Amino acid sequence: MTTTITTERLCLRSFMEKDAATLLTYLGNPRVNCFKDQKLSATEDALRYITEKQKDNLCFAICLKGTDELIGELFAEKEEPDTFGIGWHINKLFEGKGYAYEAASTFISWLFDCKGARRVYGYVESDNIRSQNLCKRLGMRYEGCFKEFISFVNNPDGTPRYEDTCVYAVLKKEWSKI
């Protein structure tokens, strides 16, 4: 059974094969290093990605409500018993229009109300200012920064380039007051 969630301007739904070409527009060259390992090079790659995401009931395609055009995605990973790590990709052509906030706030509410979340958090690279600002707008609290936490890419000499990772979170009891 698949879940579809609608907002004023968006539809959050499972990925469909028709999303493959649009998926390539934002995962063909991921701008954020933590998504470099999800880089897609061809339609076949996008179709495999879609097949995997269709099996994940915590991953949603973000689509415009009127046209069903794919503009990004939301995803979560559950940590037992009631904590969820979340993230998002937004096609750069649709940034700055409030879609990420509309989708993410709806998604967080759904995690609290329908999935039993007590705590929702997100990891954000220290240089990803847009996502940090989104976390703040969502009412998520800055909890700290892991220095040289992880490497997603290498330096020109082939050594790992470690990145600082910020953590933002919100509790269900805080969310209900936002």
N, C-alpha and C. Protein backbone atom coordinates (compact mmCIF):
# COMPACT_ATOMS: atom_id res chain seq x y z
N MET A 1 0.85 -1.19 0.00
CA MET A 1 0.00 0.00 0.00
C MET A 1 0.89 1.25 0.00
N THR A 2 0.58 2.17 -0.87
CA THR A 2 1.37 3.39 -0.94
C THR A 2 0.57 4.54 -0.35
N THR A 3 1.31 5.46 0.21
CA THR A 3 0.71 6.64 0.81
C THR A 3 0.92 7.82 -0.11
N THR A 4 -0.11 8.63 -0.27
CA THR A 4 -0.01 9.89 -1.00
C THR A 4 -0.48 10.98 -0.06
N ILE A 5 0.30 12.05 0.00
CA ILE A 5 -0.01 13.17 0.87
C ILE A 5 -0.11 14.41 0.00
N THR A 6 -1.14 15.20 0.17
CA THR A 6 -1.26 16.43 -0.62
C THR A 6 -1.21 17.64 0.30
N THR A 7 -0.69 18.71 -0.27
CA THR A 7 -0.65 20.00 0.40
C THR A 7 -1.35 21.00 -0.53
N GLU A 8 -1.25 22.24 -0.20
CA GLU A 8 -1.90 23.26 -1.04
C GLU A 8 -1.38 23.20 -2.48
N ARG A 9 -0.05 23.05 -2.65
CA ARG A 9 0.54 23.10 -3.99
C ARG A 9 1.23 21.82 -4.43
N LEU A 10 1.35 20.85 -3.52
CA LEU A 10 2.19 19.68 -3.80
C LEU A 10 1.46 18.37 -3.58
N CYS A 11 2.01 17.35 -4.19
CA CYS A 11 1.59 15.97 -3.96
C CYS A 11 2.86 15.19 -3.62
N LEU A 12 2.85 14.53 -2.47
CA LEU A 12 3.96 13.66 -2.07
C LEU A 12 3.49 12.24 -2.34
N ARG A 13 4.19 11.54 -3.23
CA ARG A 13 3.74 10.23 -3.68
C ARG A 13 4.94 9.33 -3.94
N SER A 14 4.66 8.08 -4.27
CA SER A 14 5.71 7.15 -4.66
C SER A 14 6.29 7.59 -6.00
N PHE A 15 7.53 7.22 -6.23
CA PHE A 15 8.12 7.47 -7.54
C PHE A 15 7.44 6.60 -8.59
N MET A 16 7.40 7.11 -9.83
CA MET A 16 6.84 6.38 -10.96
C MET A 16 7.87 6.37 -12.09
N GLU A 17 7.75 5.42 -12.98
CA GLU A 17 8.70 5.33 -14.10
C GLU A 17 8.75 6.62 -14.90
N LYS A 18 7.63 7.31 -15.01
CA LYS A 18 7.59 8.56 -15.78
C LYS A 18 8.48 9.65 -15.17
N ASP A 19 8.96 9.45 -13.93
CA ASP A 19 9.82 10.43 -13.26
C ASP A 19 11.28 10.33 -13.68
N ALA A 20 11.64 9.31 -14.44
CA ALA A 20 13.06 9.03 -14.71
C ALA A 20 13.80 10.21 -15.32
N ALA A 21 13.27 10.82 -16.36
CA ALA A 21 13.99 11.91 -17.02
C ALA A 21 14.17 13.11 -16.09
N THR A 22 13.14 13.44 -15.34
CA THR A 22 13.24 14.57 -14.42
C THR A 22 14.19 14.26 -13.27
N LEU A 23 14.19 13.03 -12.82
CA LEU A 23 15.11 12.61 -11.76
C LEU A 23 16.55 12.85 -12.18
N LEU A 24 16.84 12.60 -13.44
CA LEU A 24 18.19 12.82 -13.96
C LEU A 24 18.61 14.29 -13.89
N THR A 25 17.63 15.22 -13.91
CA THR A 25 17.98 16.64 -13.88
C THR A 25 18.61 17.06 -12.56
N TYR A 26 18.22 16.43 -11.44
CA TYR A 26 18.84 16.82 -10.18
C TYR A 26 19.79 15.77 -9.61
N LEU A 27 19.70 14.54 -10.05
CA LEU A 27 20.67 13.54 -9.59
C LEU A 27 21.72 13.22 -10.66
N GLY A 28 21.63 13.88 -11.81
CA GLY A 28 22.66 13.72 -12.83
C GLY A 28 23.97 14.37 -12.41
N ASN A 29 23.86 15.39 -11.58
CA ASN A 29 25.03 16.08 -11.05
C ASN A 29 24.66 16.65 -9.68
N PRO A 30 24.63 15.81 -8.66
CA PRO A 30 24.22 16.29 -7.33
C PRO A 30 25.12 17.44 -6.86
N ARG A 31 24.49 18.50 -6.37
CA ARG A 31 25.23 19.67 -5.91
C ARG A 31 25.76 19.53 -4.49
N VAL A 32 25.17 18.62 -3.72
CA VAL A 32 25.58 18.44 -2.33
C VAL A 32 26.37 17.14 -2.25
N ASN A 33 27.55 17.21 -1.66
CA ASN A 33 28.46 16.07 -1.67
C ASN A 33 27.88 14.80 -1.07
N CYS A 34 27.01 14.92 -0.07
CA CYS A 34 26.47 13.71 0.55
C CYS A 34 25.60 12.90 -0.40
N PHE A 35 25.22 13.48 -1.54
CA PHE A 35 24.42 12.75 -2.52
C PHE A 35 25.22 12.34 -3.75
N LYS A 36 26.53 12.54 -3.73
CA LYS A 36 27.37 12.19 -4.87
C LYS A 36 27.27 10.70 -5.19
N ASP A 37 27.10 9.86 -4.16
CA ASP A 37 27.02 8.42 -4.41
C ASP A 37 25.69 8.02 -5.06
N GLN A 38 24.75 8.94 -5.16
CA GLN A 38 23.48 8.66 -5.81
C GLN A 38 23.44 9.22 -7.23
N LYS A 39 24.58 9.68 -7.73
CA LYS A 39 24.64 10.27 -9.07
C LYS A 39 24.12 9.28 -10.10
N LEU A 40 23.24 9.78 -10.95
CA LEU A 40 22.67 8.97 -12.03
C LEU A 40 23.22 9.45 -13.36
N SER A 41 23.55 8.51 -14.23
CA SER A 41 24.15 8.87 -15.52
C SER A 41 23.25 8.60 -16.71
N ALA A 42 22.28 7.71 -16.53
CA ALA A 42 21.45 7.32 -17.67
C ALA A 42 20.04 6.98 -17.19
N THR A 43 19.14 6.92 -18.14
CA THR A 43 17.75 6.58 -17.83
C THR A 43 17.65 5.25 -17.11
N GLU A 44 18.47 4.28 -17.50
CA GLU A 44 18.45 2.96 -16.84
C GLU A 44 18.79 3.10 -15.37
N ASP A 45 19.76 3.97 -15.05
CA ASP A 45 20.12 4.22 -13.65
C ASP A 45 18.93 4.81 -12.89
N ALA A 46 18.25 5.76 -13.54
CA ALA A 46 17.10 6.41 -12.91
C ALA A 46 15.98 5.39 -12.68
N LEU A 47 15.76 4.50 -13.61
CA LEU A 47 14.72 3.49 -13.45
C LEU A 47 15.06 2.52 -12.32
N ARG A 48 16.31 2.15 -12.17
CA ARG A 48 16.73 1.30 -11.04
C ARG A 48 16.52 2.04 -9.72
N TYR A 49 16.89 3.33 -9.70
CA TYR A 49 16.70 4.17 -8.51
C TYR A 49 15.22 4.21 -8.13
N ILE A 50 14.36 4.42 -9.12
CA ILE A 50 12.92 4.48 -8.88
C ILE A 50 12.42 3.16 -8.32
N THR A 51 12.86 2.04 -8.88
CA THR A 51 12.44 0.72 -8.39
C THR A 51 12.80 0.56 -6.92
N GLU A 52 14.00 0.98 -6.55
CA GLU A 52 14.43 0.88 -5.14
C GLU A 52 13.59 1.79 -4.25
N LYS A 53 13.36 3.01 -4.69
CA LYS A 53 12.60 3.96 -3.88
C LYS A 53 11.14 3.56 -3.73
N GLN A 54 10.59 2.85 -4.72
CA GLN A 54 9.20 2.40 -4.64
C GLN A 54 9.01 1.38 -3.50
N LYS A 55 10.07 0.71 -3.10
CA LYS A 55 10.02 -0.27 -2.02
C LYS A 55 10.12 0.38 -0.64
N ASP A 56 10.47 1.66 -0.61
CA ASP A 56 10.73 2.39 0.64
C ASP A 56 9.52 3.23 1.01
N ASN A 57 8.79 2.83 2.07
CA ASN A 57 7.59 3.58 2.44
C ASN A 57 7.90 4.87 3.19
N LEU A 58 9.19 5.22 3.31
CA LEU A 58 9.59 6.49 3.92
C LEU A 58 10.26 7.42 2.91
N CYS A 59 10.02 7.17 1.63
CA CYS A 59 10.57 8.02 0.57
C CYS A 59 9.41 8.49 -0.31
N PHE A 60 9.38 9.78 -0.57
CA PHE A 60 8.31 10.37 -1.37
C PHE A 60 8.89 11.24 -2.48
N ALA A 61 8.30 11.13 -3.65
CA ALA A 61 8.56 12.07 -4.73
C ALA A 61 7.76 13.33 -4.41
N ILE A 62 8.39 14.49 -4.58
CA ILE A 62 7.68 15.76 -4.40
C ILE A 62 7.26 16.23 -5.79
N CYS A 63 5.96 16.39 -5.98
CA CYS A 63 5.44 16.76 -7.30
C CYS A 63 4.51 17.97 -7.18
N LEU A 64 4.48 18.76 -8.24
CA LEU A 64 3.52 19.86 -8.29
C LEU A 64 2.12 19.29 -8.39
N LYS A 65 1.22 19.80 -7.61
CA LYS A 65 -0.13 19.23 -7.50
C LYS A 65 -0.89 19.28 -8.83
N GLY A 66 -0.81 20.36 -9.52
CA GLY A 66 -1.59 20.50 -10.75
C GLY A 66 -1.08 19.69 -11.93
N THR A 67 0.23 19.52 -12.03
CA THR A 67 0.81 18.86 -13.20
C THR A 67 1.45 17.51 -12.90
N ASP A 68 1.65 17.19 -11.64
CA ASP A 68 2.33 15.97 -11.20
C ASP A 68 3.80 15.95 -11.63
N GLU A 69 4.36 17.14 -11.91
CA GLU A 69 5.77 17.23 -12.30
C GLU A 69 6.66 17.01 -11.08
N LEU A 70 7.63 16.12 -11.21
CA LEU A 70 8.59 15.84 -10.14
C LEU A 70 9.50 17.04 -9.94
N ILE A 71 9.63 17.48 -8.67
CA ILE A 71 10.54 18.60 -8.38
C ILE A 71 11.56 18.23 -7.31
N GLY A 72 11.45 17.04 -6.73
CA GLY A 72 12.41 16.64 -5.70
C GLY A 72 11.92 15.43 -4.96
N GLU A 73 12.54 15.19 -3.80
CA GLU A 73 12.16 14.04 -2.98
C GLU A 73 12.45 14.28 -1.52
N LEU A 74 11.73 13.55 -0.70
CA LEU A 74 11.89 13.53 0.76
C LEU A 74 12.13 12.09 1.16
N PHE A 75 12.93 11.90 2.20
CA PHE A 75 13.17 10.54 2.67
C PHE A 75 13.47 10.56 4.16
N ALA A 76 13.23 9.43 4.78
CA ALA A 76 13.51 9.28 6.21
C ALA A 76 14.06 7.88 6.44
N GLU A 77 14.76 7.75 7.53
CA GLU A 77 15.25 6.46 7.98
C GLU A 77 14.91 6.33 9.46
N LYS A 78 14.26 5.24 9.81
CA LYS A 78 13.85 5.04 11.19
C LYS A 78 14.97 4.42 12.00
N GLU A 79 15.18 5.01 13.17
CA GLU A 79 16.09 4.44 14.16
C GLU A 79 15.21 4.03 15.34
N GLU A 80 15.32 2.81 15.75
CA GLU A 80 14.45 2.31 16.83
C GLU A 80 14.67 3.08 18.12
N PRO A 81 13.65 3.31 18.89
CA PRO A 81 12.28 2.91 18.57
C PRO A 81 11.47 3.99 17.87
N ASP A 82 11.84 5.27 18.00
CA ASP A 82 10.93 6.33 17.55
C ASP A 82 11.64 7.59 17.07
N THR A 83 12.83 7.42 16.53
CA THR A 83 13.61 8.54 16.00
C THR A 83 13.76 8.36 14.49
N PHE A 84 13.62 9.45 13.76
CA PHE A 84 13.75 9.40 12.30
C PHE A 84 14.76 10.44 11.83
N GLY A 85 15.70 10.02 11.02
CA GLY A 85 16.59 10.95 10.31
C GLY A 85 15.93 11.26 8.98
N ILE A 86 15.92 12.55 8.60
CA ILE A 86 15.26 12.94 7.35
C ILE A 86 16.23 13.68 6.43
N GLY A 87 15.83 13.77 5.17
CA GLY A 87 16.59 14.53 4.19
C GLY A 87 15.72 14.85 2.99
N TRP A 88 16.28 15.62 2.07
CA TRP A 88 15.54 16.04 0.89
C TRP A 88 16.50 16.41 -0.22
N HIS A 89 16.00 16.29 -1.43
CA HIS A 89 16.63 16.81 -2.65
C HIS A 89 15.57 17.70 -3.29
N ILE A 90 15.97 18.87 -3.74
CA ILE A 90 15.06 19.72 -4.51
C ILE A 90 15.77 20.12 -5.79
N ASN A 91 15.10 19.95 -6.90
CA ASN A 91 15.65 20.40 -8.18
C ASN A 91 15.89 21.91 -8.08
N LYS A 92 17.10 22.34 -8.45
CA LYS A 92 17.46 23.75 -8.28
C LYS A 92 16.53 24.70 -9.05
N LEU A 93 15.86 24.19 -10.08
CA LEU A 93 14.92 25.03 -10.83
C LEU A 93 13.70 25.42 -10.00
N PHE A 94 13.49 24.74 -8.87
CA PHE A 94 12.31 24.99 -8.05
C PHE A 94 12.65 25.54 -6.66
N GLU A 95 13.91 25.94 -6.48
CA GLU A 95 14.32 26.51 -5.20
C GLU A 95 13.76 27.93 -5.05
N GLY A 96 13.64 28.35 -3.80
CA GLY A 96 13.24 29.73 -3.53
C GLY A 96 11.75 30.00 -3.71
N LYS A 97 10.93 28.97 -3.83
CA LYS A 97 9.50 29.15 -4.02
C LYS A 97 8.69 28.62 -2.83
N GLY A 98 9.38 28.16 -1.79
CA GLY A 98 8.70 27.65 -0.61
C GLY A 98 8.28 26.19 -0.70
N TYR A 99 8.59 25.53 -1.80
CA TYR A 99 8.19 24.13 -1.96
C TYR A 99 8.88 23.22 -0.95
N ALA A 100 10.17 23.44 -0.71
CA ALA A 100 10.89 22.58 0.23
C ALA A 100 10.29 22.69 1.62
N TYR A 101 9.98 23.90 2.05
CA TYR A 101 9.36 24.09 3.36
C TYR A 101 7.99 23.41 3.42
N GLU A 102 7.18 23.62 2.39
CA GLU A 102 5.83 23.04 2.36
C GLU A 102 5.90 21.50 2.41
N ALA A 103 6.80 20.93 1.64
CA ALA A 103 6.94 19.46 1.61
C ALA A 103 7.52 18.94 2.92
N ALA A 104 8.60 19.55 3.40
CA ALA A 104 9.28 19.05 4.60
C ALA A 104 8.40 19.20 5.85
N SER A 105 7.69 20.31 5.98
CA SER A 105 6.85 20.47 7.17
C SER A 105 5.70 19.46 7.16
N THR A 106 5.15 19.19 6.00
CA THR A 106 4.10 18.18 5.88
C THR A 106 4.65 16.79 6.19
N PHE A 107 5.83 16.52 5.70
CA PHE A 107 6.48 15.22 5.92
C PHE A 107 6.77 15.01 7.41
N ILE A 108 7.30 16.03 8.06
CA ILE A 108 7.60 15.92 9.50
C ILE A 108 6.31 15.69 10.29
N SER A 109 5.27 16.44 9.96
CA SER A 109 3.98 16.22 10.63
C SER A 109 3.49 14.79 10.44
N TRP A 110 3.64 14.27 9.22
CA TRP A 110 3.23 12.90 8.93
C TRP A 110 4.04 11.90 9.76
N LEU A 111 5.35 12.13 9.89
CA LEU A 111 6.17 11.24 10.71
C LEU A 111 5.71 11.24 12.16
N PHE A 112 5.40 12.42 12.69
CA PHE A 112 4.91 12.51 14.07
C PHE A 112 3.51 11.89 14.22
N ASP A 113 2.62 12.23 13.32
CA ASP A 113 1.22 11.83 13.46
C ASP A 113 0.92 10.40 13.02
N CYS A 114 1.62 9.92 12.01
CA CYS A 114 1.28 8.62 11.42
C CYS A 114 2.33 7.54 11.64
N LYS A 115 3.55 7.92 11.92
CA LYS A 115 4.62 6.93 12.05
C LYS A 115 5.16 6.82 13.47
N GLY A 116 4.57 7.56 14.40
CA GLY A 116 4.96 7.43 15.80
C GLY A 116 6.30 8.05 16.15
N ALA A 117 6.74 9.00 15.36
CA ALA A 117 8.03 9.65 15.66
C ALA A 117 7.93 10.45 16.95
N ARG A 118 8.98 10.37 17.72
CA ARG A 118 9.15 11.20 18.92
C ARG A 118 10.17 12.29 18.63
N ARG A 119 11.16 11.95 17.79
CA ARG A 119 12.25 12.87 17.46
C ARG A 119 12.56 12.74 15.98
N VAL A 120 12.74 13.89 15.32
CA VAL A 120 13.12 13.94 13.91
C VAL A 120 14.37 14.81 13.82
N TYR A 121 15.38 14.31 13.12
CA TYR A 121 16.61 15.09 12.98
C TYR A 121 17.10 15.03 11.54
N GLY A 122 17.98 15.95 11.22
CA GLY A 122 18.62 15.96 9.91
C GLY A 122 20.07 16.33 10.03
N TYR A 123 20.90 15.65 9.26
CA TYR A 123 22.31 16.01 9.13
C TYR A 123 22.43 16.95 7.94
N VAL A 124 23.18 18.04 8.12
CA VAL A 124 23.37 19.02 7.04
C VAL A 124 24.85 19.39 7.00
N GLU A 125 25.44 19.32 5.82
CA GLU A 125 26.83 19.73 5.67
C GLU A 125 26.96 21.21 6.03
N SER A 126 28.08 21.54 6.63
CA SER A 126 28.26 22.91 7.14
C SER A 126 28.23 23.97 6.04
N ASP A 127 28.50 23.59 4.81
CA ASP A 127 28.46 24.58 3.72
C ASP A 127 27.12 24.60 2.98
N ASN A 128 26.16 23.79 3.40
CA ASN A 128 24.85 23.74 2.76
C ASN A 128 23.90 24.71 3.49
N ILE A 129 24.09 25.97 3.22
CA ILE A 129 23.36 27.04 3.91
C ILE A 129 21.86 26.97 3.64
N ARG A 130 21.46 26.62 2.42
CA ARG A 130 20.02 26.54 2.09
C ARG A 130 19.32 25.53 2.99
N SER A 131 19.92 24.34 3.16
CA SER A 131 19.29 23.32 4.01
C SER A 131 19.34 23.71 5.49
N GLN A 132 20.41 24.37 5.91
CA GLN A 132 20.46 24.85 7.29
C GLN A 132 19.33 25.85 7.55
N ASN A 133 19.14 26.75 6.61
CA ASN A 133 18.07 27.74 6.76
C ASN A 133 16.69 27.08 6.75
N LEU A 134 16.53 26.04 5.93
CA LEU A 134 15.26 25.32 5.92
C LEU A 134 15.01 24.66 7.27
N CYS A 135 16.04 24.04 7.82
CA CYS A 135 15.88 23.42 9.15
C CYS A 135 15.44 24.44 10.19
N LYS A 136 16.04 25.60 10.16
CA LYS A 136 15.66 26.66 11.11
C LYS A 136 14.22 27.11 10.89
N ARG A 137 13.83 27.29 9.62
CA ARG A 137 12.45 27.69 9.32
C ARG A 137 11.46 26.64 9.77
N LEU A 138 11.88 25.38 9.74
CA LEU A 138 11.01 24.29 10.18
C LEU A 138 10.90 24.21 11.71
N GLY A 139 11.67 25.04 12.40
CA GLY A 139 11.63 25.02 13.86
C GLY A 139 12.56 23.98 14.46
N MET A 140 13.46 23.46 13.64
CA MET A 140 14.41 22.48 14.15
C MET A 140 15.53 23.21 14.90
N ARG A 141 15.96 22.62 15.96
CA ARG A 141 17.00 23.19 16.82
C ARG A 141 18.37 22.74 16.31
N TYR A 142 19.32 23.66 16.30
CA TYR A 142 20.72 23.33 15.99
C TYR A 142 21.29 22.62 17.22
N GLU A 143 21.75 21.40 17.03
CA GLU A 143 22.25 20.62 18.17
C GLU A 143 23.76 20.52 18.21
N GLY A 144 24.42 20.91 17.14
CA GLY A 144 25.88 20.86 17.16
C GLY A 144 26.45 20.53 15.81
N CYS A 145 27.77 20.44 15.80
CA CYS A 145 28.49 20.19 14.56
C CYS A 145 29.57 19.15 14.80
N PHE A 146 29.54 18.10 14.02
CA PHE A 146 30.59 17.08 14.05
C PHE A 146 31.70 17.54 13.13
N LYS A 147 32.88 17.80 13.67
CA LYS A 147 34.00 18.27 12.88
C LYS A 147 34.61 17.11 12.09
N GLU A 148 34.88 17.38 10.83
CA GLU A 148 35.46 16.37 9.94
C GLU A 148 34.80 15.01 10.14
N PHE A 149 33.48 15.00 10.07
CA PHE A 149 32.65 13.85 10.42
C PHE A 149 32.73 12.72 9.40
N ILE A 150 32.66 13.08 8.12
CA ILE A 150 32.55 12.05 7.09
C ILE A 150 33.11 12.58 5.78
N SER A 151 33.48 11.66 4.92
CA SER A 151 34.00 12.03 3.60
C SER A 151 33.11 11.44 2.53
N PHE A 152 32.67 12.28 1.62
CA PHE A 152 31.86 11.83 0.49
C PHE A 152 32.63 11.94 -0.82
N VAL A 153 33.65 12.79 -0.82
CA VAL A 153 34.47 13.03 -2.02
C VAL A 153 35.93 13.07 -1.62
N ASN A 154 36.77 13.00 -2.62
CA ASN A 154 38.22 13.05 -2.37
C ASN A 154 38.79 14.39 -2.79
N ASN A 155 39.91 14.73 -2.18
CA ASN A 155 40.71 15.88 -2.58
C ASN A 155 41.37 15.55 -3.92
N PRO A 156 41.92 16.56 -4.60
CA PRO A 156 42.60 16.29 -5.88
C PRO A 156 43.72 15.25 -5.77
N ASP A 157 44.35 15.14 -4.59
CA ASP A 157 45.43 14.15 -4.45
C ASP A 157 44.91 12.75 -4.11
N GLY A 158 43.58 12.57 -4.07
CA GLY A 158 42.99 11.26 -3.82
C GLY A 158 42.69 10.95 -2.37
N THR A 159 43.13 11.82 -1.46
CA THR A 159 42.83 11.59 -0.04
C THR A 159 41.40 12.02 0.26
N PRO A 160 40.77 11.43 1.26
CA PRO A 160 39.40 11.81 1.60
C PRO A 160 39.30 13.27 2.04
N ARG A 161 38.26 13.96 1.59
CA ARG A 161 37.98 15.32 2.05
C ARG A 161 36.87 15.22 3.09
N TYR A 162 37.23 15.39 4.35
CA TYR A 162 36.26 15.28 5.44
C TYR A 162 35.49 16.57 5.59
N GLU A 163 34.21 16.42 5.85
CA GLU A 163 33.32 17.57 5.95
C GLU A 163 32.73 17.68 7.34
N ASP A 164 32.49 18.91 7.75
CA ASP A 164 31.80 19.16 9.02
C ASP A 164 30.30 18.95 8.78
N THR A 165 29.65 18.31 9.72
CA THR A 165 28.22 17.99 9.59
C THR A 165 27.45 18.55 10.77
N CYS A 166 26.47 19.39 10.48
CA CYS A 166 25.61 19.98 11.50
C CYS A 166 24.40 19.08 11.74
N VAL A 167 23.88 19.12 12.96
CA VAL A 167 22.70 18.34 13.30
C VAL A 167 21.60 19.31 13.75
N TYR A 168 20.42 19.12 13.16
CA TYR A 168 19.23 19.88 13.53
C TYR A 168 18.15 18.87 13.92
N ALA A 169 17.35 19.19 14.93
CA ALA A 169 16.33 18.24 15.37
C ALA A 169 15.14 18.96 15.98
N VAL A 170 14.02 18.22 16.04
CA VAL A 170 12.82 18.71 16.70
C VAL A 170 12.12 17.50 17.34
N LEU A 171 11.57 17.73 18.51
CA LEU A 171 10.80 16.71 19.21
C LEU A 171 9.32 16.90 18.92
N LYS A 172 8.56 15.83 19.02
CA LYS A 172 7.12 15.91 18.77
C LYS A 172 6.46 16.95 19.69
N LYS A 173 6.86 16.97 20.96
CA LYS A 173 6.24 17.92 21.89
C LYS A 173 6.58 19.37 21.52
N GLU A 174 7.71 19.59 20.86
CA GLU A 174 8.05 20.93 20.37
C GLU A 174 7.29 21.24 19.09
N TRP A 175 7.16 20.25 18.22
CA TRP A 175 6.51 20.44 16.93
C TRP A 175 5.06 20.88 17.08
N SER A 176 4.39 20.32 18.06
CA SER A 176 2.98 20.66 18.27
C SER A 176 2.80 22.12 18.68
N LYS A 177 3.87 22.76 19.10
CA LYS A 177 3.79 24.17 19.52
C LYS A 177 4.21 25.13 18.42
N ILE A 178 4.71 24.60 17.32
CA ILE A 178 5.21 25.45 16.23
C ILE A 178 4.07 25.90 15.35
